[in-house]
């Protein structure tokens, strides 16, 4: 049985919370990030309902350079 792994990554921005929210929930920004990361394929969806916003990014990345045990 595999145990779950948890990753935490904290980012700070030199902008107001409203500006950061606008940037991170902009599909065009998310598309550009995927292109600059050179992912093989990606799908970006941003859905807002009331005060909630869901950003979903599915991407396929090249496995070059990844240890063989991690490629599975």
PDB file of N, CA and C in Angstrom:
ATOM      1  N   UNK A   1       0.847  -1.179   0.000  1.00  0.00           N
ATOM      2  CA  UNK A   1       0.000   0.000   0.000  1.00  0.00           C
ATOM      3  C   UNK A   1       0.890   1.240   0.000  1.00  0.00           C
ATOM      4  N   UNK A   2       0.560   2.176  -0.851  1.00  0.00           N
ATOM      5  CA  UNK A   2       1.342   3.415  -0.934  1.00  0.00           C
ATOM      6  C   UNK A   2       0.796   4.436   0.062  1.00  0.00           C
ATOM      7  N   UNK A   3       1.690   5.149   0.683  1.00  0.00           N
ATOM      8  CA  UNK A   3       1.241   6.207   1.587  1.00  0.00           C
ATOM      9  C   UNK A   3       1.158   7.516   0.806  1.00  0.00           C
ATOM     10  N   UNK A   4       0.268   8.377   1.213  1.00  0.00           N
ATOM     11  CA  UNK A   4       0.073   9.665   0.543  1.00  0.00           C
ATOM     12  C   UNK A   4       1.214  10.612   0.890  1.00  0.00           C
ATOM     13  N   UNK A   5       1.545  11.448  -0.060  1.00  0.00           N
ATOM     14  CA  UNK A   5       2.574  12.455   0.169  1.00  0.00           C
ATOM     15  C   UNK A   5       1.908  13.821   0.104  1.00  0.00           C
ATOM     16  N   UNK A   6       2.363  14.713   0.925  1.00  0.00           N
ATOM     17  CA  UNK A   6       1.814  16.057   0.927  1.00  0.00           C
ATOM     18  C   UNK A   6       2.936  17.033   0.596  1.00  0.00           C
ATOM     19  N   UNK A   7       2.679  17.891  -0.374  1.00  0.00           N
ATOM     20  CA  UNK A   7       3.626  18.913  -0.757  1.00  0.00           C
ATOM     21  C   UNK A   7       3.020  20.266  -0.452  1.00  0.00           C
ATOM     22  N   UNK A   8       3.808  21.147   0.105  1.00  0.00           N
ATOM     23  CA  UNK A   8       3.367  22.515   0.352  1.00  0.00           C
ATOM     24  C   UNK A   8       4.334  23.455  -0.336  1.00  0.00           C
ATOM     25  N   UNK A   9       3.781  24.425  -1.047  1.00  0.00           N
ATOM     26  CA  UNK A   9       4.606  25.401  -1.763  1.00  0.00           C
ATOM     27  C   UNK A   9       3.998  26.774  -1.522  1.00  0.00           C
ATOM     28  N   UNK A  10       4.763  27.665  -0.958  1.00  0.00           N
ATOM     29  CA  UNK A  10       4.253  28.996  -0.640  1.00  0.00           C
ATOM     30  C   UNK A  10       4.859  30.019  -1.589  1.00  0.00           C
ATOM     31  N   UNK A  11       4.011  30.855  -2.158  1.00  0.00           N
ATOM     32  CA  UNK A  11       4.449  31.916  -3.058  1.00  0.00           C
ATOM     33  C   UNK A  11       4.019  33.266  -2.499  1.00  0.00           C
ATOM     34  N   UNK A  12       4.845  34.263  -2.675  1.00  0.00           N
ATOM     35  CA  UNK A  12       4.464  35.621  -2.295  1.00  0.00           C
ATOM     36  C   UNK A  12       4.567  36.505  -3.526  1.00  0.00           C
ATOM     37  N   UNK A  13       3.701  37.484  -3.617  1.00  0.00           N
ATOM     38  CA  UNK A  13       3.644  38.379  -4.767  1.00  0.00           C
ATOM     39  C   UNK A  13       3.703  39.823  -4.295  1.00  0.00           C
ATOM     40  N   UNK A  14       4.353  40.646  -5.066  1.00  0.00           N
ATOM     41  CA  UNK A  14       4.441  42.069  -4.774  1.00  0.00           C
ATOM     42  C   UNK A  14       3.245  42.766  -5.429  1.00  0.00           C
ATOM     43  N   UNK A  15       2.062  42.453  -4.930  1.00  0.00           N
ATOM     44  CA  UNK A  15       0.818  43.004  -5.478  1.00  0.00           C
ATOM     45  C   UNK A  15      -0.273  42.864  -4.431  1.00  0.00           C
ATOM     46  N   UNK A  16      -1.369  43.546  -4.665  1.00  0.00           N
ATOM     47  CA  UNK A  16      -2.496  43.457  -3.736  1.00  0.00           C
ATOM     48  C   UNK A  16      -3.173  42.093  -3.873  1.00  0.00           C
ATOM     49  N   UNK A  17      -3.904  41.655  -2.859  1.00  0.00           N
ATOM     50  CA  UNK A  17      -4.629  40.385  -2.963  1.00  0.00           C
ATOM     51  C   UNK A  17      -5.577  40.358  -4.177  1.00  0.00           C
ATOM     52  N   UNK A  18      -6.233  41.470  -4.462  1.00  0.00           N
ATOM     53  CA  UNK A  18      -7.154  41.516  -5.612  1.00  0.00           C
ATOM     54  C   UNK A  18      -6.396  41.320  -6.925  1.00  0.00           C
ATOM     55  N   UNK A  19      -5.214  41.913  -7.030  1.00  0.00           N
ATOM     56  CA  UNK A  19      -4.412  41.761  -8.250  1.00  0.00           C
ATOM     57  C   UNK A  19      -3.910  40.328  -8.405  1.00  0.00           C
ATOM     58  N   UNK A  20      -3.502  39.727  -7.305  1.00  0.00           N
ATOM     59  CA  UNK A  20      -3.029  38.344  -7.348  1.00  0.00           C
ATOM     60  C   UNK A  20      -4.171  37.406  -7.703  1.00  0.00           C
ATOM     61  N   UNK A  21      -5.329  37.610  -7.099  1.00  0.00           N
ATOM     62  CA  UNK A  21      -6.511  36.790  -7.414  1.00  0.00           C
ATOM     63  C   UNK A  21      -6.849  36.897  -8.901  1.00  0.00           C
ATOM     64  N   UNK A  22      -6.855  38.118  -9.429  1.00  0.00           N
ATOM     65  CA  UNK A  22      -7.180  38.326 -10.846  1.00  0.00           C
ATOM     66  C   UNK A  22      -6.187  37.591 -11.739  1.00  0.00           C
ATOM     67  N   UNK A  23      -4.917  37.659 -11.396  1.00  0.00           N
ATOM     68  CA  UNK A  23      -3.891  37.000 -12.193  1.00  0.00           C
ATOM     69  C   UNK A  23      -4.045  35.482 -12.139  1.00  0.00           C
ATOM     70  N   UNK A  24      -4.160  34.922 -10.932  1.00  0.00           N
ATOM     71  CA  UNK A  24      -4.201  33.476 -10.777  1.00  0.00           C
ATOM     72  C   UNK A  24      -5.489  32.841 -11.283  1.00  0.00           C
ATOM     73  N   UNK A  25      -6.540  33.620 -11.406  1.00  0.00           N
ATOM     74  CA  UNK A  25      -7.809  33.076 -11.907  1.00  0.00           C
ATOM     75  C   UNK A  25      -8.054  33.443 -13.370  1.00  0.00           C
ATOM     76  N   UNK A  26      -7.052  33.989 -14.036  1.00  0.00           N
ATOM     77  CA  UNK A  26      -7.157  34.352 -15.449  1.00  0.00           C
ATOM     78  C   UNK A  26      -6.721  33.166 -16.314  1.00  0.00           C
ATOM     79  N   UNK A  27      -7.638  32.597 -17.098  1.00  0.00           N
ATOM     80  CA  UNK A  27      -7.271  31.442 -17.925  1.00  0.00           C
ATOM     81  C   UNK A  27      -6.109  31.738 -18.885  1.00  0.00           C
ATOM     82  N   UNK A  28      -6.040  32.941 -19.420  1.00  0.00           N
ATOM     83  CA  UNK A  28      -4.950  33.289 -20.342  1.00  0.00           C
ATOM     84  C   UNK A  28      -3.604  33.237 -19.626  1.00  0.00           C
ATOM     85  N   UNK A  29      -3.548  33.699 -18.380  1.00  0.00           N
ATOM     86  CA  UNK A  29      -2.313  33.616 -17.594  1.00  0.00           C
ATOM     87  C   UNK A  29      -1.930  32.162 -17.371  1.00  0.00           C
ATOM     88  N   UNK A  30      -2.904  31.340 -16.995  1.00  0.00           N
ATOM     89  CA  UNK A  30      -2.624  29.926 -16.730  1.00  0.00           C
ATOM     90  C   UNK A  30      -2.152  29.208 -17.995  1.00  0.00           C
ATOM     91  N   UNK A  31      -2.755  29.550 -19.150  1.00  0.00           N
ATOM     92  CA  UNK A  31      -2.329  28.975 -20.430  1.00  0.00           C
ATOM     93  C   UNK A  31      -0.873  29.354 -20.717  1.00  0.00           C
ATOM     94  N   UNK A  32      -0.536  30.616 -20.498  1.00  0.00           N
ATOM     95  CA  UNK A  32       0.828  31.076 -20.759  1.00  0.00           C
ATOM     96  C   UNK A  32       1.835  30.373 -19.849  1.00  0.00           C
ATOM     97  N   UNK A  33       1.468  30.166 -18.595  1.00  0.00           N
ATOM     98  CA  UNK A  33       2.353  29.449 -17.677  1.00  0.00           C
ATOM     99  C   UNK A  33       2.631  28.042 -18.208  1.00  0.00           C
ATOM    100  N   UNK A  34       1.592  27.357 -18.659  1.00  0.00           N
ATOM    101  CA  UNK A  34       1.773  26.007 -19.204  1.00  0.00           C
ATOM    102  C   UNK A  34       2.697  26.035 -20.424  1.00  0.00           C
ATOM    103  N   UNK A  35       2.506  27.019 -21.296  1.00  0.00           N
ATOM    104  CA  UNK A  35       3.345  27.122 -22.484  1.00  0.00           C
ATOM    105  C   UNK A  35       4.800  27.392 -22.109  1.00  0.00           C
ATOM    106  N   UNK A  36       5.016  28.262 -21.137  1.00  0.00           N
ATOM    107  CA  UNK A  36       6.393  28.571 -20.722  1.00  0.00           C
ATOM    108  C   UNK A  36       7.048  27.407 -19.992  1.00  0.00           C
ATOM    109  N   UNK A  37       6.248  26.564 -19.355  1.00  0.00           N
ATOM    110  CA  UNK A  37       6.781  25.366 -18.705  1.00  0.00           C
ATOM    111  C   UNK A  37       7.018  24.244 -19.711  1.00  0.00           C
ATOM    112  N   UNK A  38       6.590  24.480 -20.939  1.00  0.00           N
ATOM    113  CA  UNK A  38       6.765  23.538 -22.053  1.00  0.00           C
ATOM    114  C   UNK A  38       6.143  22.172 -21.764  1.00  0.00           C
ATOM    115  N   UNK A  39       4.927  22.206 -21.193  1.00  0.00           N
ATOM    116  CA  UNK A  39       4.226  20.946 -20.982  1.00  0.00           C
ATOM    117  C   UNK A  39       3.806  20.398 -22.337  1.00  0.00           C
ATOM    118  N   UNK A  40       3.670  19.095 -22.425  1.00  0.00           N
ATOM    119  CA  UNK A  40       3.312  18.468 -23.697  1.00  0.00           C
ATOM    120  C   UNK A  40       1.864  18.749 -24.076  1.00  0.00           C
ATOM    121  N   UNK A  41       0.974  18.662 -23.092  1.00  0.00           N
ATOM    122  CA  UNK A  41      -0.457  18.965 -23.288  1.00  0.00           C
ATOM    123  C   UNK A  41      -0.979  19.576 -22.014  1.00  0.00           C
ATOM    124  N   UNK A  42      -2.004  20.418 -22.163  1.00  0.00           N
ATOM    125  CA  UNK A  42      -2.614  20.990 -20.964  1.00  0.00           C
ATOM    126  C   UNK A  42      -4.069  21.362 -21.229  1.00  0.00           C
ATOM    127  N   UNK A  43      -4.808  21.406 -20.146  1.00  0.00           N
ATOM    128  CA  UNK A  43      -6.209  21.826 -20.178  1.00  0.00           C
ATOM    129  C   UNK A  43      -6.429  22.714 -18.954  1.00  0.00           C
ATOM    130  N   UNK A  44      -6.874  23.937 -19.183  1.00  0.00           N
ATOM    131  CA  UNK A  44      -7.078  24.900 -18.099  1.00  0.00           C
ATOM    132  C   UNK A  44      -8.568  25.203 -18.000  1.00  0.00           C
ATOM    133  N   UNK A  45      -9.108  25.103 -16.793  1.00  0.00           N
ATOM    134  CA  UNK A  45     -10.509  25.458 -16.549  1.00  0.00           C
ATOM    135  C   UNK A  45     -10.594  26.327 -15.313  1.00  0.00           C
ATOM    136  N   UNK A  46     -11.324  27.427 -15.435  1.00  0.00           N
ATOM    137  CA  UNK A  46     -11.569  28.318 -14.297  1.00  0.00           C
ATOM    138  C   UNK A  46     -13.077  28.488 -14.194  1.00  0.00           C
ATOM    139  N   UNK A  47     -13.636  28.083 -13.057  1.00  0.00           N
ATOM    140  CA  UNK A  47     -15.080  28.181 -12.830  1.00  0.00           C
ATOM    141  C   UNK A  47     -15.329  28.984 -11.558  1.00  0.00           C
ATOM    142  N   UNK A  48     -16.177  29.989 -11.675  1.00  0.00           N
ATOM    143  CA  UNK A  48     -16.546  30.798 -10.514  1.00  0.00           C
ATOM    144  C   UNK A  48     -18.023  30.611 -10.220  1.00  0.00           C
ATOM    145  N   UNK A  49     -18.324  30.379  -8.950  1.00  0.00           N
ATOM    146  CA  UNK A  49     -19.692  30.246  -8.478  1.00  0.00           C
ATOM    147  C   UNK A  49     -19.806  31.054  -7.199  1.00  0.00           C
ATOM    148  N   UNK A  50     -20.539  32.158  -7.257  1.00  0.00           N
ATOM    149  CA  UNK A  50     -20.647  33.004  -6.073  1.00  0.00           C
ATOM    150  C   UNK A  50     -19.283  33.542  -5.695  1.00  0.00           C
ATOM    151  N   UNK A  51     -18.875  33.274  -4.460  1.00  0.00           N
ATOM    152  CA  UNK A  51     -17.582  33.749  -3.983  1.00  0.00           C
ATOM    153  C   UNK A  51     -16.469  32.717  -4.169  1.00  0.00           C
ATOM    154  N   UNK A  52     -16.807  31.540  -4.685  1.00  0.00           N
ATOM    155  CA  UNK A  52     -15.815  30.478  -4.849  1.00  0.00           C
ATOM    156  C   UNK A  52     -15.307  30.433  -6.288  1.00  0.00           C
ATOM    157  N   UNK A  53     -14.021  30.209  -6.427  1.00  0.00           N
ATOM    158  CA  UNK A  53     -13.404  30.038  -7.736  1.00  0.00           C
ATOM    159  C   UNK A  53     -12.574  28.766  -7.707  1.00  0.00           C
ATOM    160  N   UNK A  54     -12.790  27.917  -8.707  1.00  0.00           N
ATOM    161  CA  UNK A  54     -12.013  26.694  -8.843  1.00  0.00           C
ATOM    162  C   UNK A  54     -11.136  26.816 -10.080  1.00  0.00           C
ATOM    163  N   UNK A  55      -9.837  26.642  -9.897  1.00  0.00           N
ATOM    164  CA  UNK A  55      -8.886  26.642 -10.998  1.00  0.00           C
ATOM    165  C   UNK A  55      -8.367  25.220 -11.119  1.00  0.00           C
ATOM    166  N   UNK A  56      -8.573  24.632 -12.293  1.00  0.00           N
ATOM    167  CA  UNK A  56      -8.138  23.257 -12.511  1.00  0.00           C
ATOM    168  C   UNK A  56      -7.203  23.243 -13.707  1.00  0.00           C
ATOM    169  N   UNK A  57      -6.004  22.732 -13.506  1.00  0.00           N
ATOM    170  CA  UNK A  57      -5.007  22.658 -14.571  1.00  0.00           C
ATOM    171  C   UNK A  57      -4.549  21.216 -14.667  1.00  0.00           C
ATOM    172  N   UNK A  58      -4.816  20.604 -15.801  1.00  0.00           N
ATOM    173  CA  UNK A  58      -4.329  19.255 -16.053  1.00  0.00           C
ATOM    174  C   UNK A  58      -3.220  19.385 -17.081  1.00  0.00           C
ATOM    175  N   UNK A  59      -2.083  18.756 -16.798  1.00  0.00           N
ATOM    176  CA  UNK A  59      -0.971  18.867 -17.731  1.00  0.00           C
ATOM    177  C   UNK A  59      -0.201  17.561 -17.817  1.00  0.00           C
ATOM    178  N   UNK A  60       0.364  17.354 -18.985  1.00  0.00           N
ATOM    179  CA  UNK A  60       1.224  16.203 -19.233  1.00  0.00           C
ATOM    180  C   UNK A  60       2.613  16.764 -19.472  1.00  0.00           C
ATOM    181  N   UNK A  61       3.567  16.298 -18.663  1.00  0.00           N
ATOM    182  CA  UNK A  61       4.937  16.778 -18.778  1.00  0.00           C
ATOM    183  C   UNK A  61       5.837  15.664 -19.272  1.00  0.00           C
ATOM    184  N   UNK A  62       6.943  16.058 -19.894  1.00  0.00           N
ATOM    185  CA  UNK A  62       7.940  15.117 -20.364  1.00  0.00           C
ATOM    186  C   UNK A  62       8.572  14.418 -19.158  1.00  0.00           C
ATOM    187  N   UNK A  63       8.788  13.123 -19.269  1.00  0.00           N
ATOM    188  CA  UNK A  63       9.352  12.348 -18.163  1.00  0.00           C
ATOM    189  C   UNK A  63      10.881  12.296 -18.219  1.00  0.00           C
ATOM    190  N   UNK A  64      11.505  13.032 -19.127  1.00  0.00           N
ATOM    191  CA  UNK A  64      12.970  13.025 -19.239  1.00  0.00           C
ATOM    192  C   UNK A  64      13.593  13.531 -17.942  1.00  0.00           C
ATOM    193  N   UNK A  65      14.582  12.826 -17.459  1.00  0.00           N
ATOM    194  CA  UNK A  65      15.286  13.249 -16.263  1.00  0.00           C
ATOM    195  C   UNK A  65      14.673  12.768 -14.962  1.00  0.00           C
ATOM    196  N   UNK A  66      13.527  12.108 -15.036  1.00  0.00           N
ATOM    197  CA  UNK A  66      12.868  11.602 -13.827  1.00  0.00           C
ATOM    198  C   UNK A  66      13.421  10.208 -13.549  1.00  0.00           C
ATOM    199  N   UNK A  67      13.739   9.887 -12.305  1.00  0.00           N
ATOM    200  CA  UNK A  67      14.234   8.549 -11.979  1.00  0.00           C
ATOM    201  C   UNK A  67      13.230   7.475 -12.414  1.00  0.00           C
ATOM    202  N   UNK A  68      13.723   6.310 -12.796  1.00  0.00           N
ATOM    203  CA  UNK A  68      12.863   5.259 -13.350  1.00  0.00           C
ATOM    204  C   UNK A  68      11.744   4.859 -12.395  1.00  0.00           C
ATOM    205  N   UNK A  69      11.988   4.837 -11.077  1.00  0.00           N
ATOM    206  CA  UNK A  69      10.935   4.441 -10.140  1.00  0.00           C
ATOM    207  C   UNK A  69       9.787   5.441 -10.122  1.00  0.00           C
ATOM    208  N   UNK A  70      10.044   6.683 -10.488  1.00  0.00           N
ATOM    209  CA  UNK A  70       9.003   7.716 -10.472  1.00  0.00           C
ATOM    210  C   UNK A  70       8.229   7.780 -11.777  1.00  0.00           C
ATOM    211  N   UNK A  71       8.720   7.185 -12.827  1.00  0.00           N
ATOM    212  CA  UNK A  71       8.060   7.243 -14.127  1.00  0.00           C
ATOM    213  C   UNK A  71       6.782   6.421 -14.178  1.00  0.00           C
ATOM    214  N   UNK A  72       6.657   5.430 -13.321  1.00  0.00           N
ATOM    215  CA  UNK A  72       5.470   4.584 -13.311  1.00  0.00           C
ATOM    216  C   UNK A  72       4.313   5.397 -12.802  1.00  0.00           C
TER     217      UNK A  72
END
